[in-house]
Amino acid sequence: MKQLADRQLWLGIGVGAAAILLSFALVATLMGGEIIAQQSLTGALCAGYFISCCAAGAVASAGKEGRLLRCILVWAVLYGVIWLVALSGGEAISFLPDGIYLTVSLLAGAVVAALVAPKGKKRRKKGSAAGKRAARRHMVT
């Protein structure tokens, strides 16, 4: 529960939502310019979802413990928001043709983000001057 209140997690979710909106705008622009055909719409959306979830997961889990859990939380929120947007469209939604590809691309993005997210820096304990002198004193025998 503590991780749900983390600022870094919600920043990652915001990055993911913004990246998905940008990918929608890019796909719509490319379809309007007839660069992307209607048949390859699912592939373009899957690529956008994958990249968005990777970016969101990397931001949410940067330097923190429990990276996979954070990425899965980001995935769950983004997946829920995407379904809410799809259901609010007013037309009947069929999950079977392309829904599994979209789900897998989001989940794969979360897993890849958990694997490649930067790890936290380990702090080295600096020894005190007295400790260094004592170590030198004991070294000479």
N, C-alpha and C. Protein backbone atom coordinates (compact mmCIF):
# COMPACT_ATOMS: atom_id res chain seq x y z
N MET A 1 0.81 -1.19 0.00
CA MET A 1 0.00 0.00 0.00
C MET A 1 0.86 1.26 0.00
N LYS A 2 2.04 1.15 0.62
CA LYS A 2 2.90 2.31 0.69
C LYS A 2 3.37 2.74 -0.69
N GLN A 3 3.54 1.77 -1.59
CA GLN A 3 4.02 2.11 -2.93
C GLN A 3 2.97 2.84 -3.76
N LEU A 4 1.69 2.70 -3.43
CA LEU A 4 0.65 3.41 -4.18
C LEU A 4 0.68 4.91 -3.91
N ALA A 5 1.22 5.31 -2.78
CA ALA A 5 1.28 6.73 -2.45
C ALA A 5 2.59 7.37 -2.87
N ASP A 6 3.43 6.64 -3.55
CA ASP A 6 4.74 7.13 -3.94
C ASP A 6 4.63 8.11 -5.11
N ARG A 7 5.31 9.22 -4.99
CA ARG A 7 5.28 10.25 -6.03
C ARG A 7 5.90 9.76 -7.33
N GLN A 8 6.97 8.99 -7.25
CA GLN A 8 7.65 8.49 -8.44
C GLN A 8 6.74 7.57 -9.25
N LEU A 9 5.92 6.76 -8.56
CA LEU A 9 5.00 5.87 -9.25
C LEU A 9 3.97 6.67 -10.05
N TRP A 10 3.40 7.69 -9.44
CA TRP A 10 2.40 8.49 -10.14
C TRP A 10 3.01 9.34 -11.23
N LEU A 11 4.26 9.72 -11.07
CA LEU A 11 4.95 10.42 -12.15
C LEU A 11 5.12 9.48 -13.35
N GLY A 12 5.45 8.23 -13.08
CA GLY A 12 5.56 7.25 -14.16
C GLY A 12 4.23 7.02 -14.86
N ILE A 13 3.14 6.97 -14.09
CA ILE A 13 1.82 6.80 -14.70
C ILE A 13 1.48 8.01 -15.58
N GLY A 14 1.83 9.19 -15.11
CA GLY A 14 1.60 10.39 -15.92
C GLY A 14 2.42 10.39 -17.20
N VAL A 15 3.66 9.94 -17.10
CA VAL A 15 4.51 9.83 -18.30
C VAL A 15 3.91 8.82 -19.27
N GLY A 16 3.41 7.71 -18.75
CA GLY A 16 2.79 6.70 -19.61
C GLY A 16 1.54 7.22 -20.30
N ALA A 17 0.70 7.94 -19.57
CA ALA A 17 -0.52 8.49 -20.17
C ALA A 17 -0.18 9.52 -21.24
N ALA A 18 0.79 10.37 -20.97
CA ALA A 18 1.20 11.36 -21.97
C ALA A 18 1.80 10.69 -23.20
N ALA A 19 2.58 9.63 -22.99
CA ALA A 19 3.19 8.93 -24.12
C ALA A 19 2.13 8.21 -24.96
N ILE A 20 1.10 7.67 -24.31
CA ILE A 20 0.03 7.03 -25.06
C ILE A 20 -0.74 8.06 -25.88
N LEU A 21 -1.01 9.21 -25.29
CA LEU A 21 -1.69 10.27 -26.04
C LEU A 21 -0.85 10.73 -27.23
N LEU A 22 0.45 10.85 -27.03
CA LEU A 22 1.33 11.22 -28.14
C LEU A 22 1.36 10.14 -29.23
N SER A 23 1.33 8.88 -28.82
CA SER A 23 1.34 7.81 -29.82
C SER A 23 0.01 7.78 -30.59
N PHE A 24 -1.11 8.06 -29.89
CA PHE A 24 -2.40 8.17 -30.60
C PHE A 24 -2.36 9.29 -31.63
N ALA A 25 -1.82 10.44 -31.22
CA ALA A 25 -1.75 11.58 -32.14
C ALA A 25 -0.85 11.27 -33.33
N LEU A 26 0.27 10.60 -33.07
CA LEU A 26 1.17 10.25 -34.16
C LEU A 26 0.53 9.26 -35.12
N VAL A 27 -0.13 8.25 -34.59
CA VAL A 27 -0.79 7.25 -35.45
C VAL A 27 -1.91 7.91 -36.26
N ALA A 28 -2.68 8.79 -35.63
CA ALA A 28 -3.76 9.47 -36.35
C ALA A 28 -3.21 10.36 -37.46
N THR A 29 -2.11 11.03 -37.17
CA THR A 29 -1.49 11.88 -38.19
C THR A 29 -0.95 11.05 -39.35
N LEU A 30 -0.32 9.93 -39.03
CA LEU A 30 0.22 9.08 -40.09
C LEU A 30 -0.88 8.41 -40.90
N MET A 31 -2.00 8.10 -40.26
CA MET A 31 -3.12 7.52 -41.01
C MET A 31 -3.77 8.58 -41.90
N GLY A 32 -3.84 9.82 -41.42
CA GLY A 32 -4.40 10.90 -42.23
C GLY A 32 -3.54 11.20 -43.44
N GLY A 33 -2.25 11.06 -43.30
CA GLY A 33 -1.33 11.27 -44.41
C GLY A 33 -1.16 10.03 -45.26
N GLU A 34 -1.92 9.00 -44.97
CA GLU A 34 -1.91 7.72 -45.70
C GLU A 34 -0.54 7.05 -45.70
N ILE A 35 0.20 7.25 -44.63
CA ILE A 35 1.49 6.57 -44.47
C ILE A 35 1.26 5.20 -43.83
N ILE A 36 0.30 5.14 -42.90
CA ILE A 36 -0.07 3.88 -42.26
C ILE A 36 -1.43 3.47 -42.81
N ALA A 37 -1.52 2.23 -43.26
CA ALA A 37 -2.79 1.73 -43.78
C ALA A 37 -3.68 1.27 -42.63
N GLN A 38 -4.96 1.14 -42.89
CA GLN A 38 -5.93 0.72 -41.88
C GLN A 38 -5.59 -0.67 -41.35
N GLN A 39 -5.03 -1.53 -42.19
CA GLN A 39 -4.71 -2.89 -41.77
C GLN A 39 -3.59 -2.94 -40.75
N SER A 40 -2.72 -1.96 -40.73
CA SER A 40 -1.60 -1.98 -39.80
C SER A 40 -1.84 -1.08 -38.59
N LEU A 41 -3.08 -0.74 -38.33
CA LEU A 41 -3.40 0.11 -37.18
C LEU A 41 -3.09 -0.59 -35.86
N THR A 42 -3.41 -1.87 -35.78
CA THR A 42 -3.16 -2.61 -34.54
C THR A 42 -1.67 -2.68 -34.23
N GLY A 43 -0.86 -2.91 -35.22
CA GLY A 43 0.59 -2.95 -35.00
C GLY A 43 1.15 -1.62 -34.54
N ALA A 44 0.66 -0.55 -35.11
CA ALA A 44 1.12 0.78 -34.70
C ALA A 44 0.69 1.09 -33.27
N LEU A 45 -0.53 0.73 -32.91
CA LEU A 45 -1.00 0.94 -31.54
C LEU A 45 -0.23 0.07 -30.55
N CYS A 46 0.06 -1.16 -30.94
CA CYS A 46 0.84 -2.05 -30.06
C CYS A 46 2.24 -1.48 -29.82
N ALA A 47 2.85 -0.96 -30.85
CA ALA A 47 4.18 -0.36 -30.69
C ALA A 47 4.11 0.85 -29.78
N GLY A 48 3.08 1.67 -29.95
CA GLY A 48 2.91 2.83 -29.09
C GLY A 48 2.67 2.45 -27.64
N TYR A 49 1.84 1.43 -27.41
CA TYR A 49 1.59 0.95 -26.05
C TYR A 49 2.86 0.39 -25.42
N PHE A 50 3.62 -0.37 -26.19
CA PHE A 50 4.85 -0.97 -25.67
C PHE A 50 5.84 0.12 -25.25
N ILE A 51 6.07 1.08 -26.11
CA ILE A 51 7.02 2.15 -25.81
C ILE A 51 6.54 3.00 -24.64
N SER A 52 5.23 3.25 -24.59
CA SER A 52 4.68 4.05 -23.50
C SER A 52 4.82 3.35 -22.17
N CYS A 53 4.53 2.07 -22.14
CA CYS A 53 4.63 1.33 -20.89
C CYS A 53 6.09 1.15 -20.47
N CYS A 54 6.99 1.02 -21.42
CA CYS A 54 8.41 0.95 -21.09
C CYS A 54 8.87 2.26 -20.45
N ALA A 55 8.49 3.38 -21.04
CA ALA A 55 8.89 4.67 -20.50
C ALA A 55 8.28 4.90 -19.12
N ALA A 56 7.01 4.57 -18.96
CA ALA A 56 6.33 4.77 -17.68
C ALA A 56 6.94 3.88 -16.60
N GLY A 57 7.20 2.64 -16.93
CA GLY A 57 7.80 1.73 -15.96
C GLY A 57 9.20 2.14 -15.56
N ALA A 58 9.98 2.63 -16.52
CA ALA A 58 11.34 3.06 -16.21
C ALA A 58 11.33 4.28 -15.30
N VAL A 59 10.40 5.20 -15.52
CA VAL A 59 10.31 6.37 -14.66
C VAL A 59 9.81 5.97 -13.27
N ALA A 60 8.82 5.10 -13.21
CA ALA A 60 8.23 4.73 -11.93
C ALA A 60 9.17 3.92 -11.05
N SER A 61 10.05 3.15 -11.65
CA SER A 61 10.88 2.26 -10.85
C SER A 61 12.34 2.66 -10.81
N ALA A 62 12.68 3.83 -11.25
CA ALA A 62 14.08 4.26 -11.29
C ALA A 62 14.66 4.34 -9.89
N GLY A 63 15.61 3.48 -9.62
CA GLY A 63 16.35 3.53 -8.37
C GLY A 63 15.58 3.05 -7.16
N LYS A 64 14.47 2.41 -7.32
CA LYS A 64 13.65 1.99 -6.19
C LYS A 64 13.67 0.48 -6.05
N GLU A 65 13.30 0.02 -4.87
CA GLU A 65 13.14 -1.41 -4.62
C GLU A 65 11.80 -1.86 -5.20
N GLY A 66 11.68 -3.12 -5.53
CA GLY A 66 10.42 -3.66 -6.04
C GLY A 66 10.09 -3.13 -7.43
N ARG A 67 11.06 -3.20 -8.32
CA ARG A 67 10.86 -2.63 -9.66
C ARG A 67 9.77 -3.34 -10.43
N LEU A 68 9.70 -4.66 -10.34
CA LEU A 68 8.68 -5.39 -11.09
C LEU A 68 7.29 -5.04 -10.58
N LEU A 69 7.13 -4.94 -9.27
CA LEU A 69 5.84 -4.58 -8.71
C LEU A 69 5.41 -3.18 -9.16
N ARG A 70 6.33 -2.25 -9.18
CA ARG A 70 6.01 -0.90 -9.63
C ARG A 70 5.61 -0.90 -11.10
N CYS A 71 6.31 -1.65 -11.92
CA CYS A 71 5.97 -1.71 -13.35
C CYS A 71 4.61 -2.38 -13.56
N ILE A 72 4.30 -3.38 -12.77
CA ILE A 72 2.99 -4.03 -12.89
C ILE A 72 1.88 -3.08 -12.43
N LEU A 73 2.13 -2.29 -11.40
CA LEU A 73 1.15 -1.29 -10.98
C LEU A 73 0.91 -0.25 -12.07
N VAL A 74 1.98 0.18 -12.72
CA VAL A 74 1.84 1.12 -13.84
C VAL A 74 1.03 0.47 -14.95
N TRP A 75 1.34 -0.78 -15.26
CA TRP A 75 0.60 -1.50 -16.30
C TRP A 75 -0.88 -1.58 -15.97
N ALA A 76 -1.20 -1.92 -14.72
CA ALA A 76 -2.60 -2.08 -14.33
C ALA A 76 -3.37 -0.77 -14.46
N VAL A 77 -2.77 0.32 -14.05
CA VAL A 77 -3.46 1.61 -14.13
C VAL A 77 -3.63 2.03 -15.59
N LEU A 78 -2.58 1.91 -16.39
CA LEU A 78 -2.69 2.28 -17.81
C LEU A 78 -3.68 1.38 -18.54
N TYR A 79 -3.68 0.11 -18.23
CA TYR A 79 -4.61 -0.83 -18.86
C TYR A 79 -6.06 -0.48 -18.51
N GLY A 80 -6.29 -0.16 -17.24
CA GLY A 80 -7.63 0.24 -16.82
C GLY A 80 -8.09 1.51 -17.49
N VAL A 81 -7.19 2.48 -17.60
CA VAL A 81 -7.55 3.75 -18.24
C VAL A 81 -7.85 3.54 -19.72
N ILE A 82 -7.06 2.71 -20.38
CA ILE A 82 -7.30 2.45 -21.80
C ILE A 82 -8.66 1.79 -22.01
N TRP A 83 -9.02 0.85 -21.12
CA TRP A 83 -10.32 0.21 -21.24
C TRP A 83 -11.46 1.18 -20.93
N LEU A 84 -11.27 2.05 -19.96
CA LEU A 84 -12.30 3.05 -19.68
C LEU A 84 -12.52 3.98 -20.86
N VAL A 85 -11.43 4.38 -21.50
CA VAL A 85 -11.55 5.23 -22.68
C VAL A 85 -12.25 4.48 -23.81
N ALA A 86 -11.91 3.22 -23.98
CA ALA A 86 -12.52 2.42 -25.05
C ALA A 86 -14.01 2.21 -24.79
N LEU A 87 -14.38 1.97 -23.53
CA LEU A 87 -15.79 1.74 -23.20
C LEU A 87 -16.62 3.01 -23.26
N SER A 88 -15.99 4.16 -23.11
CA SER A 88 -16.74 5.41 -23.16
C SER A 88 -16.98 5.89 -24.58
N GLY A 89 -16.49 5.15 -25.57
CA GLY A 89 -16.62 5.56 -26.96
C GLY A 89 -18.03 5.46 -27.51
N GLY A 90 -18.89 4.68 -26.90
CA GLY A 90 -20.27 4.61 -27.35
C GLY A 90 -20.57 3.52 -28.35
N GLU A 91 -19.57 2.92 -28.95
CA GLU A 91 -19.82 1.85 -29.90
C GLU A 91 -19.43 0.51 -29.28
N ALA A 92 -19.93 -0.56 -29.86
CA ALA A 92 -19.64 -1.89 -29.32
C ALA A 92 -18.16 -2.22 -29.50
N ILE A 93 -17.57 -2.79 -28.45
CA ILE A 93 -16.15 -3.14 -28.49
C ILE A 93 -16.01 -4.64 -28.56
N SER A 94 -15.20 -5.09 -29.48
CA SER A 94 -14.90 -6.50 -29.61
C SER A 94 -13.45 -6.72 -29.19
N PHE A 95 -13.26 -7.48 -28.14
CA PHE A 95 -11.92 -7.70 -27.61
C PHE A 95 -11.15 -8.73 -28.42
N LEU A 96 -11.83 -9.69 -28.98
CA LEU A 96 -11.15 -10.85 -29.56
C LEU A 96 -10.19 -10.55 -30.71
N PRO A 97 -10.51 -9.73 -31.69
CA PRO A 97 -9.58 -9.65 -32.82
C PRO A 97 -8.20 -9.11 -32.45
N ASP A 98 -8.15 -7.99 -31.76
CA ASP A 98 -6.84 -7.36 -31.52
C ASP A 98 -6.55 -7.08 -30.06
N GLY A 99 -7.49 -7.35 -29.19
CA GLY A 99 -7.32 -7.01 -27.78
C GLY A 99 -6.19 -7.74 -27.11
N ILE A 100 -5.97 -8.98 -27.48
CA ILE A 100 -4.89 -9.75 -26.86
C ILE A 100 -3.53 -9.17 -27.23
N TYR A 101 -3.39 -8.67 -28.45
CA TYR A 101 -2.12 -8.07 -28.87
C TYR A 101 -1.85 -6.79 -28.08
N LEU A 102 -2.88 -6.01 -27.87
CA LEU A 102 -2.72 -4.76 -27.13
C LEU A 102 -2.38 -5.03 -25.67
N THR A 103 -3.03 -6.04 -25.08
CA THR A 103 -2.75 -6.40 -23.69
C THR A 103 -1.33 -6.91 -23.54
N VAL A 104 -0.92 -7.78 -24.43
CA VAL A 104 0.43 -8.35 -24.35
C VAL A 104 1.49 -7.28 -24.59
N SER A 105 1.22 -6.34 -25.48
CA SER A 105 2.22 -5.29 -25.73
C SER A 105 2.39 -4.41 -24.50
N LEU A 106 1.30 -4.09 -23.80
CA LEU A 106 1.41 -3.32 -22.57
C LEU A 106 2.17 -4.11 -21.49
N LEU A 107 1.81 -5.38 -21.32
CA LEU A 107 2.45 -6.20 -20.30
C LEU A 107 3.93 -6.43 -20.63
N ALA A 108 4.25 -6.64 -21.88
CA ALA A 108 5.65 -6.82 -22.27
C ALA A 108 6.44 -5.54 -22.02
N GLY A 109 5.83 -4.40 -22.26
CA GLY A 109 6.49 -3.13 -21.97
C GLY A 109 6.80 -2.98 -20.50
N ALA A 110 5.87 -3.41 -19.64
CA ALA A 110 6.10 -3.32 -18.19
C ALA A 110 7.23 -4.25 -17.76
N VAL A 111 7.26 -5.45 -18.30
CA VAL A 111 8.31 -6.41 -17.92
C VAL A 111 9.68 -5.94 -18.42
N VAL A 112 9.73 -5.44 -19.64
CA VAL A 112 11.00 -4.95 -20.18
C VAL A 112 11.48 -3.75 -19.36
N ALA A 113 10.56 -2.88 -18.97
CA ALA A 113 10.95 -1.73 -18.15
C ALA A 113 11.51 -2.18 -16.81
N ALA A 114 10.93 -3.22 -16.22
CA ALA A 114 11.44 -3.72 -14.94
C ALA A 114 12.83 -4.31 -15.10
N LEU A 115 13.10 -4.90 -16.25
CA LEU A 115 14.41 -5.50 -16.47
C LEU A 115 15.50 -4.48 -16.76
N VAL A 116 15.15 -3.40 -17.45
CA VAL A 116 16.18 -2.44 -17.87
C VAL A 116 16.17 -1.14 -17.08
N ALA A 117 15.30 -1.02 -16.09
CA ALA A 117 15.26 0.22 -15.30
C ALA A 117 16.57 0.40 -14.55
N PRO A 118 17.03 1.63 -14.45
CA PRO A 118 18.30 1.86 -13.75
C PRO A 118 18.19 1.51 -12.28
N LYS A 119 19.22 0.89 -11.78
CA LYS A 119 19.24 0.52 -10.36
C LYS A 119 19.71 1.71 -9.53
N GLY A 120 19.34 1.69 -8.30
CA GLY A 120 19.75 2.76 -7.39
C GLY A 120 21.25 2.72 -7.13
N LYS A 121 21.80 3.86 -6.85
CA LYS A 121 23.22 3.93 -6.55
C LYS A 121 23.45 3.49 -5.12
N LYS A 122 24.45 2.66 -4.94
CA LYS A 122 24.79 2.21 -3.59
C LYS A 122 25.72 3.23 -2.97
N ARG A 123 25.42 3.56 -1.75
CA ARG A 123 26.27 4.50 -1.04
C ARG A 123 27.44 3.75 -0.40
N ARG A 124 28.58 4.33 -0.57
CA ARG A 124 29.74 3.77 0.11
C ARG A 124 29.92 4.50 1.41
N LYS A 125 30.18 3.75 2.41
CA LYS A 125 30.41 4.34 3.72
C LYS A 125 31.83 4.88 3.75
N LYS A 126 31.94 6.14 4.05
CA LYS A 126 33.26 6.74 4.13
C LYS A 126 33.80 6.53 5.54
N GLY A 127 35.00 6.09 5.59
CA GLY A 127 35.62 5.87 6.89
C GLY A 127 36.07 7.18 7.50
N SER A 128 36.08 7.21 8.78
CA SER A 128 36.53 8.42 9.47
C SER A 128 38.06 8.47 9.46
N ALA A 129 38.57 9.64 9.75
CA ALA A 129 40.02 9.81 9.75
C ALA A 129 40.65 8.98 10.87
N ALA A 130 39.97 8.87 12.01
CA ALA A 130 40.51 8.07 13.11
C ALA A 130 40.57 6.60 12.73
N GLY A 131 39.59 6.13 12.01
CA GLY A 131 39.59 4.74 11.58
C GLY A 131 40.71 4.45 10.61
N LYS A 132 41.02 5.40 9.75
CA LYS A 132 42.10 5.21 8.78
C LYS A 132 43.45 5.18 9.49
N ARG A 133 43.60 6.05 10.49
CA ARG A 133 44.87 6.05 11.24
C ARG A 133 45.05 4.75 11.99
N ALA A 134 43.96 4.24 12.56
CA ALA A 134 44.05 2.99 13.31
C ALA A 134 44.38 1.84 12.37
N ALA A 135 43.85 1.86 11.17
CA ALA A 135 44.14 0.79 10.21
C ALA A 135 45.60 0.84 9.79
N ARG A 136 46.15 2.06 9.61
CA ARG A 136 47.55 2.17 9.25
C ARG A 136 48.45 1.73 10.40
N ARG A 137 48.03 2.04 11.62
CA ARG A 137 48.82 1.68 12.76
C ARG A 137 48.92 0.17 12.91
N HIS A 138 47.82 -0.55 12.63
CA HIS A 138 47.81 -1.98 12.79
C HIS A 138 48.50 -2.68 11.62
N MET A 139 48.61 -2.01 10.51
CA MET A 139 49.24 -2.62 9.36
C MET A 139 50.73 -2.78 9.57
N VAL A 140 51.34 -1.83 10.27
CA VAL A 140 52.78 -1.88 10.49
C VAL A 140 53.04 -2.79 11.69
N THR A 141 53.79 -3.87 11.47
CA THR A 141 54.09 -4.80 12.55
C THR A 141 55.57 -4.99 12.70
